[in-house]
Amino acid sequence: MRIGILTVSELGAGGQRPDTSGDAIVEWARARGYDVAVRSVVPDETDRIAGQLCRWADSGHVDVILTTGGTGLTARDVTPEATAAVLERPAPGIAEALRASSAPGFPRAWLSRGTAGTRGKTLIVNLPGSPGGVRDGLALLEQLLDHAVELLRGEKVTHDG
């Protein structure tokens, strides 16, 4: 599986903060034998986020794009809007499951506005900006991603087990 990691952070894009959440995704992906095909950090700007998502999804070089950051309630948190603007098919169950799986141990997870869906044959999922929130989200996603990518590639069309 080919993974794209897009970190949305004003300070990260300016080189003022290390990308620890992106690093957590890289570590997780490599531990599972996934290929980190592309990785970038962009500021909290809708056009920059949407543009990068489109370029990566439309390139055919990634199966999954995981974003981290910009999913909260502040005026600068625009990742869900940028993502929704480029999705062709929403997958609301993924975003709901991410919140529901994290909330028992971290009730503020309900404040996340992250979304998920597909563009072409690429699955795009918004994760929170904190390393802990990313790890919680990845624990859920590792149960879903292989099957989702098989379906998007047209490799598996049955829903057994």
N, C-alpha and C. Protein backbone atom coordinates (compact mmCIF):
# COMPACT_ATOMS: atom_id res chain seq x y z
N MET A 1 0.84 -1.17 0.00
CA MET A 1 0.00 0.00 0.00
C MET A 1 0.89 1.24 0.00
N ARG A 2 0.49 2.21 -0.79
CA ARG A 2 1.25 3.46 -0.92
C ARG A 2 0.51 4.57 -0.18
N ILE A 3 1.23 5.16 0.77
CA ILE A 3 0.64 6.16 1.67
C ILE A 3 1.19 7.55 1.35
N GLY A 4 0.32 8.53 1.37
CA GLY A 4 0.71 9.94 1.33
C GLY A 4 0.39 10.56 2.67
N ILE A 5 1.30 11.36 3.19
CA ILE A 5 1.11 12.01 4.49
C ILE A 5 1.15 13.52 4.30
N LEU A 6 0.05 14.16 4.62
CA LEU A 6 -0.03 15.62 4.50
C LEU A 6 -0.28 16.21 5.89
N THR A 7 0.73 16.89 6.40
CA THR A 7 0.61 17.56 7.69
C THR A 7 0.18 19.00 7.44
N VAL A 8 -0.86 19.42 8.15
CA VAL A 8 -1.38 20.78 8.02
C VAL A 8 -1.00 21.52 9.29
N SER A 9 -0.05 22.43 9.16
CA SER A 9 0.45 23.16 10.32
C SER A 9 1.15 24.43 9.88
N GLU A 10 0.68 25.53 10.38
CA GLU A 10 1.31 26.82 10.08
C GLU A 10 2.76 26.83 10.56
N LEU A 11 2.96 26.41 11.82
CA LEU A 11 4.31 26.42 12.38
C LEU A 11 5.19 25.35 11.72
N GLY A 12 4.62 24.20 11.42
CA GLY A 12 5.40 23.15 10.75
C GLY A 12 5.83 23.57 9.36
N ALA A 13 4.92 24.22 8.62
CA ALA A 13 5.25 24.67 7.26
C ALA A 13 6.33 25.74 7.29
N GLY A 14 6.38 26.50 8.38
CA GLY A 14 7.38 27.54 8.52
C GLY A 14 8.68 27.06 9.14
N GLY A 15 8.77 25.76 9.40
CA GLY A 15 9.99 25.20 9.99
C GLY A 15 10.16 25.52 11.46
N GLN A 16 9.09 25.95 12.12
CA GLN A 16 9.18 26.34 13.52
C GLN A 16 8.75 25.25 14.50
N ARG A 17 8.25 24.13 13.97
CA ARG A 17 7.81 23.02 14.82
C ARG A 17 8.09 21.72 14.09
N PRO A 18 8.64 20.72 14.79
CA PRO A 18 8.86 19.43 14.13
C PRO A 18 7.52 18.73 13.84
N ASP A 19 7.51 17.93 12.81
CA ASP A 19 6.29 17.24 12.38
C ASP A 19 6.17 15.90 13.11
N THR A 20 5.91 15.93 14.40
CA THR A 20 5.85 14.70 15.19
C THR A 20 4.65 13.83 14.81
N SER A 21 3.54 14.44 14.41
CA SER A 21 2.38 13.65 14.00
C SER A 21 2.65 12.93 12.68
N GLY A 22 3.27 13.63 11.74
CA GLY A 22 3.66 12.99 10.48
C GLY A 22 4.66 11.87 10.73
N ASP A 23 5.58 12.11 11.65
CA ASP A 23 6.57 11.08 12.00
C ASP A 23 5.87 9.83 12.55
N ALA A 24 4.82 10.03 13.36
CA ALA A 24 4.08 8.89 13.92
C ALA A 24 3.42 8.07 12.81
N ILE A 25 2.93 8.75 11.78
CA ILE A 25 2.32 8.04 10.65
C ILE A 25 3.38 7.26 9.88
N VAL A 26 4.53 7.87 9.66
CA VAL A 26 5.63 7.19 8.95
C VAL A 26 6.02 5.92 9.71
N GLU A 27 6.20 6.04 11.01
CA GLU A 27 6.60 4.89 11.83
C GLU A 27 5.56 3.77 11.74
N TRP A 28 4.29 4.13 11.84
CA TRP A 28 3.20 3.17 11.74
C TRP A 28 3.19 2.48 10.37
N ALA A 29 3.30 3.28 9.31
CA ALA A 29 3.24 2.73 7.96
C ALA A 29 4.40 1.77 7.70
N ARG A 30 5.58 2.16 8.07
CA ARG A 30 6.76 1.30 7.84
C ARG A 30 6.68 0.00 8.64
N ALA A 31 6.13 0.06 9.85
CA ALA A 31 5.98 -1.14 10.68
C ALA A 31 5.04 -2.15 10.03
N ARG A 32 4.16 -1.67 9.16
CA ARG A 32 3.22 -2.54 8.47
C ARG A 32 3.65 -2.87 7.04
N GLY A 33 4.81 -2.41 6.66
CA GLY A 33 5.31 -2.69 5.32
C GLY A 33 4.70 -1.82 4.24
N TYR A 34 4.05 -0.73 4.63
CA TYR A 34 3.47 0.19 3.66
C TYR A 34 4.56 1.13 3.16
N ASP A 35 4.40 1.60 1.95
CA ASP A 35 5.35 2.52 1.33
C ASP A 35 4.87 3.95 1.54
N VAL A 36 5.69 4.78 2.17
CA VAL A 36 5.37 6.21 2.27
C VAL A 36 5.83 6.84 0.96
N ALA A 37 4.88 7.02 0.06
CA ALA A 37 5.18 7.48 -1.30
C ALA A 37 5.46 8.98 -1.36
N VAL A 38 4.71 9.75 -0.58
CA VAL A 38 4.87 11.21 -0.57
C VAL A 38 4.56 11.73 0.83
N ARG A 39 5.22 12.84 1.15
CA ARG A 39 4.99 13.48 2.44
C ARG A 39 5.26 14.96 2.29
N SER A 40 4.39 15.77 2.89
CA SER A 40 4.57 17.21 2.80
C SER A 40 3.92 17.88 4.01
N VAL A 41 4.34 19.12 4.26
CA VAL A 41 3.74 19.96 5.29
C VAL A 41 3.28 21.24 4.62
N VAL A 42 2.01 21.60 4.85
CA VAL A 42 1.45 22.82 4.27
C VAL A 42 0.83 23.66 5.37
N PRO A 43 0.72 24.97 5.16
CA PRO A 43 0.05 25.81 6.15
C PRO A 43 -1.46 25.59 6.10
N ASP A 44 -2.14 26.12 7.10
CA ASP A 44 -3.60 26.01 7.21
C ASP A 44 -4.27 26.94 6.19
N GLU A 45 -4.18 26.58 4.93
CA GLU A 45 -4.79 27.36 3.84
C GLU A 45 -5.55 26.39 2.95
N THR A 46 -6.85 26.63 2.80
CA THR A 46 -7.73 25.72 2.06
C THR A 46 -7.19 25.38 0.68
N ASP A 47 -6.76 26.39 -0.07
CA ASP A 47 -6.30 26.12 -1.43
C ASP A 47 -5.04 25.27 -1.47
N ARG A 48 -4.15 25.47 -0.52
CA ARG A 48 -2.91 24.66 -0.47
C ARG A 48 -3.22 23.22 -0.11
N ILE A 49 -4.10 23.03 0.85
CA ILE A 49 -4.47 21.68 1.27
C ILE A 49 -5.19 20.96 0.12
N ALA A 50 -6.20 21.59 -0.42
CA ALA A 50 -6.98 20.97 -1.50
C ALA A 50 -6.11 20.69 -2.72
N GLY A 51 -5.24 21.62 -3.05
CA GLY A 51 -4.37 21.43 -4.21
C GLY A 51 -3.46 20.22 -4.05
N GLN A 52 -2.87 20.07 -2.87
CA GLN A 52 -1.98 18.93 -2.63
C GLN A 52 -2.76 17.62 -2.66
N LEU A 53 -3.94 17.60 -2.04
CA LEU A 53 -4.76 16.39 -2.06
C LEU A 53 -5.12 15.99 -3.49
N CYS A 54 -5.51 16.95 -4.30
CA CYS A 54 -5.86 16.66 -5.70
C CYS A 54 -4.65 16.13 -6.47
N ARG A 55 -3.52 16.80 -6.33
CA ARG A 55 -2.33 16.36 -7.08
C ARG A 55 -1.96 14.92 -6.72
N TRP A 56 -1.94 14.61 -5.45
CA TRP A 56 -1.56 13.27 -5.03
C TRP A 56 -2.59 12.23 -5.45
N ALA A 57 -3.87 12.50 -5.19
CA ALA A 57 -4.91 11.53 -5.52
C ALA A 57 -4.99 11.31 -7.03
N ASP A 58 -4.89 12.37 -7.79
CA ASP A 58 -5.02 12.26 -9.25
C ASP A 58 -3.79 11.67 -9.92
N SER A 59 -2.67 11.63 -9.20
CA SER A 59 -1.42 11.12 -9.79
C SER A 59 -1.43 9.61 -9.96
N GLY A 60 -2.25 8.91 -9.17
CA GLY A 60 -2.24 7.45 -9.21
C GLY A 60 -1.08 6.84 -8.45
N HIS A 61 -0.31 7.65 -7.73
CA HIS A 61 0.87 7.17 -7.01
C HIS A 61 0.60 6.85 -5.53
N VAL A 62 -0.61 7.12 -5.05
CA VAL A 62 -0.94 6.82 -3.65
C VAL A 62 -2.29 6.12 -3.58
N ASP A 63 -2.41 5.21 -2.63
CA ASP A 63 -3.67 4.52 -2.37
C ASP A 63 -4.45 5.21 -1.26
N VAL A 64 -3.72 5.75 -0.30
CA VAL A 64 -4.33 6.39 0.86
C VAL A 64 -3.57 7.68 1.16
N ILE A 65 -4.31 8.74 1.42
CA ILE A 65 -3.70 9.98 1.92
C ILE A 65 -4.23 10.19 3.33
N LEU A 66 -3.30 10.29 4.27
CA LEU A 66 -3.64 10.59 5.65
C LEU A 66 -3.20 12.01 5.95
N THR A 67 -4.15 12.85 6.33
CA THR A 67 -3.79 14.20 6.74
C THR A 67 -3.72 14.22 8.25
N THR A 68 -2.95 15.12 8.79
CA THR A 68 -2.90 15.33 10.23
C THR A 68 -2.88 16.83 10.49
N GLY A 69 -3.80 17.25 11.37
CA GLY A 69 -3.86 18.66 11.73
C GLY A 69 -5.00 19.40 11.05
N GLY A 70 -5.40 20.49 11.69
CA GLY A 70 -6.40 21.38 11.10
C GLY A 70 -7.82 20.88 11.17
N THR A 71 -8.13 20.00 12.14
CA THR A 71 -9.48 19.43 12.20
C THR A 71 -10.31 19.96 13.37
N GLY A 72 -9.77 20.92 14.10
CA GLY A 72 -10.44 21.42 15.31
C GLY A 72 -11.46 22.50 15.03
N LEU A 73 -11.73 23.29 16.06
CA LEU A 73 -12.79 24.29 16.00
C LEU A 73 -12.31 25.72 15.76
N THR A 74 -10.99 25.94 15.69
CA THR A 74 -10.54 27.31 15.49
C THR A 74 -10.80 27.77 14.06
N ALA A 75 -10.77 29.06 13.86
CA ALA A 75 -11.01 29.62 12.53
C ALA A 75 -9.97 29.14 11.52
N ARG A 76 -8.77 28.83 11.97
CA ARG A 76 -7.69 28.38 11.07
C ARG A 76 -7.79 26.90 10.70
N ASP A 77 -8.63 26.13 11.40
CA ASP A 77 -8.76 24.70 11.15
C ASP A 77 -9.67 24.47 9.94
N VAL A 78 -9.06 24.35 8.76
CA VAL A 78 -9.83 24.25 7.51
C VAL A 78 -9.60 22.94 6.75
N THR A 79 -8.91 21.99 7.37
CA THR A 79 -8.64 20.74 6.67
C THR A 79 -9.93 20.01 6.26
N PRO A 80 -10.96 19.91 7.11
CA PRO A 80 -12.17 19.21 6.67
C PRO A 80 -12.84 19.88 5.46
N GLU A 81 -12.86 21.20 5.44
CA GLU A 81 -13.47 21.90 4.31
C GLU A 81 -12.68 21.69 3.03
N ALA A 82 -11.34 21.77 3.14
CA ALA A 82 -10.49 21.54 1.97
C ALA A 82 -10.64 20.12 1.46
N THR A 83 -10.73 19.18 2.37
CA THR A 83 -10.88 17.77 1.99
C THR A 83 -12.23 17.54 1.34
N ALA A 84 -13.29 18.03 1.95
CA ALA A 84 -14.64 17.85 1.41
C ALA A 84 -14.75 18.43 0.00
N ALA A 85 -14.04 19.52 -0.25
CA ALA A 85 -14.10 20.15 -1.57
C ALA A 85 -13.52 19.27 -2.68
N VAL A 86 -12.63 18.34 -2.34
CA VAL A 86 -12.00 17.51 -3.37
C VAL A 86 -12.52 16.08 -3.40
N LEU A 87 -13.29 15.68 -2.40
CA LEU A 87 -13.81 14.32 -2.38
C LEU A 87 -14.87 14.12 -3.45
N GLU A 88 -14.85 12.95 -4.05
CA GLU A 88 -15.90 12.58 -4.99
C GLU A 88 -16.99 11.77 -4.28
N ARG A 89 -16.57 10.98 -3.28
CA ARG A 89 -17.51 10.14 -2.54
C ARG A 89 -17.15 10.18 -1.07
N PRO A 90 -18.00 10.78 -0.24
CA PRO A 90 -17.73 10.80 1.19
C PRO A 90 -17.82 9.40 1.79
N ALA A 91 -17.08 9.18 2.87
CA ALA A 91 -17.14 7.94 3.65
C ALA A 91 -17.30 8.34 5.11
N PRO A 92 -18.48 8.84 5.48
CA PRO A 92 -18.66 9.40 6.82
C PRO A 92 -18.45 8.40 7.94
N GLY A 93 -18.67 7.12 7.69
CA GLY A 93 -18.49 6.12 8.73
C GLY A 93 -17.07 6.07 9.27
N ILE A 94 -16.10 6.34 8.40
CA ILE A 94 -14.70 6.31 8.84
C ILE A 94 -14.44 7.43 9.85
N ALA A 95 -14.88 8.64 9.52
CA ALA A 95 -14.66 9.77 10.43
C ALA A 95 -15.42 9.57 11.74
N GLU A 96 -16.64 9.03 11.65
CA GLU A 96 -17.42 8.78 12.85
C GLU A 96 -16.73 7.73 13.72
N ALA A 97 -16.21 6.68 13.08
CA ALA A 97 -15.53 5.62 13.83
C ALA A 97 -14.27 6.14 14.50
N LEU A 98 -13.55 7.03 13.84
CA LEU A 98 -12.34 7.61 14.44
C LEU A 98 -12.68 8.37 15.72
N ARG A 99 -13.73 9.17 15.67
CA ARG A 99 -14.13 9.93 16.86
C ARG A 99 -14.63 8.98 17.96
N ALA A 100 -15.47 8.04 17.57
CA ALA A 100 -16.07 7.13 18.55
C ALA A 100 -15.03 6.24 19.23
N SER A 101 -14.00 5.83 18.49
CA SER A 101 -13.00 4.94 19.09
C SER A 101 -12.08 5.69 20.05
N SER A 102 -11.88 6.97 19.83
CA SER A 102 -10.99 7.75 20.69
C SER A 102 -11.70 8.38 21.88
N ALA A 103 -12.96 8.68 21.73
CA ALA A 103 -13.69 9.45 22.74
C ALA A 103 -13.76 8.82 24.12
N PRO A 104 -13.88 7.49 24.28
CA PRO A 104 -13.94 6.96 25.64
C PRO A 104 -12.73 7.33 26.50
N GLY A 105 -11.56 7.37 25.92
CA GLY A 105 -10.36 7.73 26.67
C GLY A 105 -10.00 9.20 26.56
N PHE A 106 -10.61 9.89 25.58
CA PHE A 106 -10.28 11.29 25.33
C PHE A 106 -11.55 11.99 24.82
N PRO A 107 -12.43 12.43 25.73
CA PRO A 107 -13.72 12.99 25.32
C PRO A 107 -13.64 14.16 24.34
N ARG A 108 -12.52 14.88 24.34
CA ARG A 108 -12.40 16.00 23.39
C ARG A 108 -12.30 15.53 21.94
N ALA A 109 -12.17 14.21 21.73
CA ALA A 109 -12.16 13.69 20.36
C ALA A 109 -13.45 14.06 19.63
N TRP A 110 -14.53 14.24 20.37
CA TRP A 110 -15.80 14.62 19.75
C TRP A 110 -15.73 16.01 19.12
N LEU A 111 -14.73 16.80 19.47
CA LEU A 111 -14.59 18.14 18.88
C LEU A 111 -13.91 18.11 17.51
N SER A 112 -13.35 16.97 17.14
CA SER A 112 -12.70 16.86 15.83
C SER A 112 -13.75 16.91 14.72
N ARG A 113 -13.44 17.65 13.69
CA ARG A 113 -14.34 17.78 12.54
C ARG A 113 -13.82 17.02 11.33
N GLY A 114 -12.85 16.13 11.54
CA GLY A 114 -12.24 15.41 10.44
C GLY A 114 -13.26 14.67 9.59
N THR A 115 -12.91 14.50 8.33
CA THR A 115 -13.79 13.82 7.37
C THR A 115 -12.99 12.75 6.64
N ALA A 116 -13.66 12.01 5.79
CA ALA A 116 -13.00 10.97 5.01
C ALA A 116 -13.82 10.70 3.76
N GLY A 117 -13.16 10.15 2.75
CA GLY A 117 -13.85 9.80 1.52
C GLY A 117 -12.86 9.44 0.44
N THR A 118 -13.37 9.34 -0.78
CA THR A 118 -12.51 8.93 -1.88
C THR A 118 -12.49 9.98 -2.98
N ARG A 119 -11.37 9.99 -3.66
CA ARG A 119 -11.20 10.75 -4.90
C ARG A 119 -10.53 9.77 -5.85
N GLY A 120 -11.24 9.42 -6.91
CA GLY A 120 -10.72 8.38 -7.79
C GLY A 120 -10.56 7.10 -7.00
N LYS A 121 -9.37 6.51 -7.09
CA LYS A 121 -9.09 5.27 -6.37
C LYS A 121 -8.26 5.50 -5.12
N THR A 122 -8.32 6.73 -4.60
CA THR A 122 -7.55 7.08 -3.40
C THR A 122 -8.49 7.38 -2.25
N LEU A 123 -8.20 6.79 -1.11
CA LEU A 123 -8.93 7.07 0.12
C LEU A 123 -8.21 8.21 0.84
N ILE A 124 -8.96 9.21 1.28
CA ILE A 124 -8.41 10.35 2.00
C ILE A 124 -9.06 10.39 3.38
N VAL A 125 -8.23 10.45 4.43
CA VAL A 125 -8.73 10.45 5.81
C VAL A 125 -8.04 11.55 6.59
N ASN A 126 -8.83 12.37 7.27
CA ASN A 126 -8.29 13.41 8.15
C ASN A 126 -8.09 12.83 9.54
N LEU A 127 -6.89 13.00 10.08
CA LEU A 127 -6.57 12.63 11.45
C LEU A 127 -6.31 13.90 12.26
N PRO A 128 -6.42 13.83 13.58
CA PRO A 128 -6.11 15.00 14.41
C PRO A 128 -4.64 15.40 14.27
N GLY A 129 -4.30 16.53 14.86
CA GLY A 129 -2.93 17.03 14.76
C GLY A 129 -1.98 16.56 15.83
N SER A 130 -2.49 15.96 16.90
CA SER A 130 -1.61 15.53 17.98
C SER A 130 -1.10 14.12 17.72
N PRO A 131 0.15 13.83 18.14
CA PRO A 131 0.66 12.46 17.97
C PRO A 131 -0.23 11.41 18.63
N GLY A 132 -0.78 11.71 19.81
CA GLY A 132 -1.68 10.77 20.47
C GLY A 132 -2.95 10.52 19.69
N GLY A 133 -3.53 11.60 19.16
CA GLY A 133 -4.73 11.46 18.33
C GLY A 133 -4.45 10.69 17.06
N VAL A 134 -3.27 10.90 16.49
CA VAL A 134 -2.87 10.16 15.29
C VAL A 134 -2.75 8.68 15.62
N ARG A 135 -2.07 8.36 16.71
CA ARG A 135 -1.90 6.94 17.09
C ARG A 135 -3.26 6.27 17.33
N ASP A 136 -4.16 6.97 18.02
CA ASP A 136 -5.51 6.42 18.24
C ASP A 136 -6.20 6.16 16.91
N GLY A 137 -6.12 7.13 15.99
CA GLY A 137 -6.76 6.97 14.69
C GLY A 137 -6.17 5.84 13.88
N LEU A 138 -4.86 5.71 13.92
CA LEU A 138 -4.20 4.64 13.16
C LEU A 138 -4.55 3.27 13.70
N ALA A 139 -4.77 3.16 15.02
CA ALA A 139 -5.16 1.88 15.61
C ALA A 139 -6.49 1.40 15.02
N LEU A 140 -7.39 2.33 14.75
CA LEU A 140 -8.65 1.98 14.11
C LEU A 140 -8.45 1.71 12.62
N LEU A 141 -7.73 2.60 11.95
CA LEU A 141 -7.57 2.47 10.50
C LEU A 141 -6.88 1.19 10.08
N GLU A 142 -5.99 0.66 10.91
CA GLU A 142 -5.29 -0.56 10.50
C GLU A 142 -6.25 -1.73 10.35
N GLN A 143 -7.45 -1.61 10.91
CA GLN A 143 -8.47 -2.65 10.73
C GLN A 143 -9.25 -2.48 9.43
N LEU A 144 -9.15 -1.32 8.80
CA LEU A 144 -9.98 -0.98 7.65
C LEU A 144 -9.24 -0.78 6.34
N LEU A 145 -8.01 -0.29 6.40
CA LEU A 145 -7.34 0.20 5.20
C LEU A 145 -7.10 -0.86 4.14
N ASP A 146 -6.62 -2.02 4.51
CA ASP A 146 -6.33 -3.04 3.50
C ASP A 146 -7.58 -3.37 2.69
N HIS A 147 -8.69 -3.58 3.38
CA HIS A 147 -9.93 -3.92 2.68
C HIS A 147 -10.42 -2.74 1.83
N ALA A 148 -10.34 -1.53 2.38
CA ALA A 148 -10.78 -0.35 1.62
C ALA A 148 -9.98 -0.19 0.34
N VAL A 149 -8.67 -0.37 0.42
CA VAL A 149 -7.83 -0.23 -0.77
C VAL A 149 -8.12 -1.34 -1.78
N GLU A 150 -8.33 -2.55 -1.30
CA GLU A 150 -8.71 -3.64 -2.21
C GLU A 150 -9.99 -3.29 -2.97
N LEU A 151 -10.97 -2.75 -2.26
CA LEU A 151 -12.23 -2.36 -2.90
C LEU A 151 -12.02 -1.25 -3.92
N LEU A 152 -11.24 -0.25 -3.55
CA LEU A 152 -10.99 0.87 -4.48
C LEU A 152 -10.23 0.43 -5.72
N ARG A 153 -9.34 -0.51 -5.56
CA ARG A 153 -8.58 -1.04 -6.71
C ARG A 153 -9.41 -2.01 -7.55
N GLY A 154 -10.55 -2.42 -7.02
CA GLY A 154 -11.37 -3.40 -7.72
C GLY A 154 -10.85 -4.81 -7.57
N GLU A 155 -9.98 -5.04 -6.60
CA GLU A 155 -9.38 -6.36 -6.39
C GLU A 155 -10.29 -7.28 -5.60
N LYS A 156 -11.16 -6.71 -4.80
CA LYS A 156 -12.03 -7.53 -3.95
C LYS A 156 -13.40 -6.89 -3.99
N VAL A 157 -14.37 -7.67 -4.37
CA VAL A 157 -15.71 -7.11 -4.43
C VAL A 157 -16.68 -7.85 -3.51
N THR A 158 -16.20 -8.87 -2.82
CA THR A 158 -17.05 -9.55 -1.85
C THR A 158 -16.83 -8.93 -0.48
N HIS A 159 -17.78 -9.15 0.37
CA HIS A 159 -17.74 -8.57 1.71
C HIS A 159 -17.80 -9.64 2.78
N ASP A 160 -17.07 -10.72 2.56
CA ASP A 160 -17.08 -11.81 3.52
C ASP A 160 -16.30 -11.45 4.77
N GLY A 161 -16.64 -12.15 5.86
CA GLY A 161 -15.91 -12.09 7.11
C GLY A 161 -15.86 -10.81 7.75
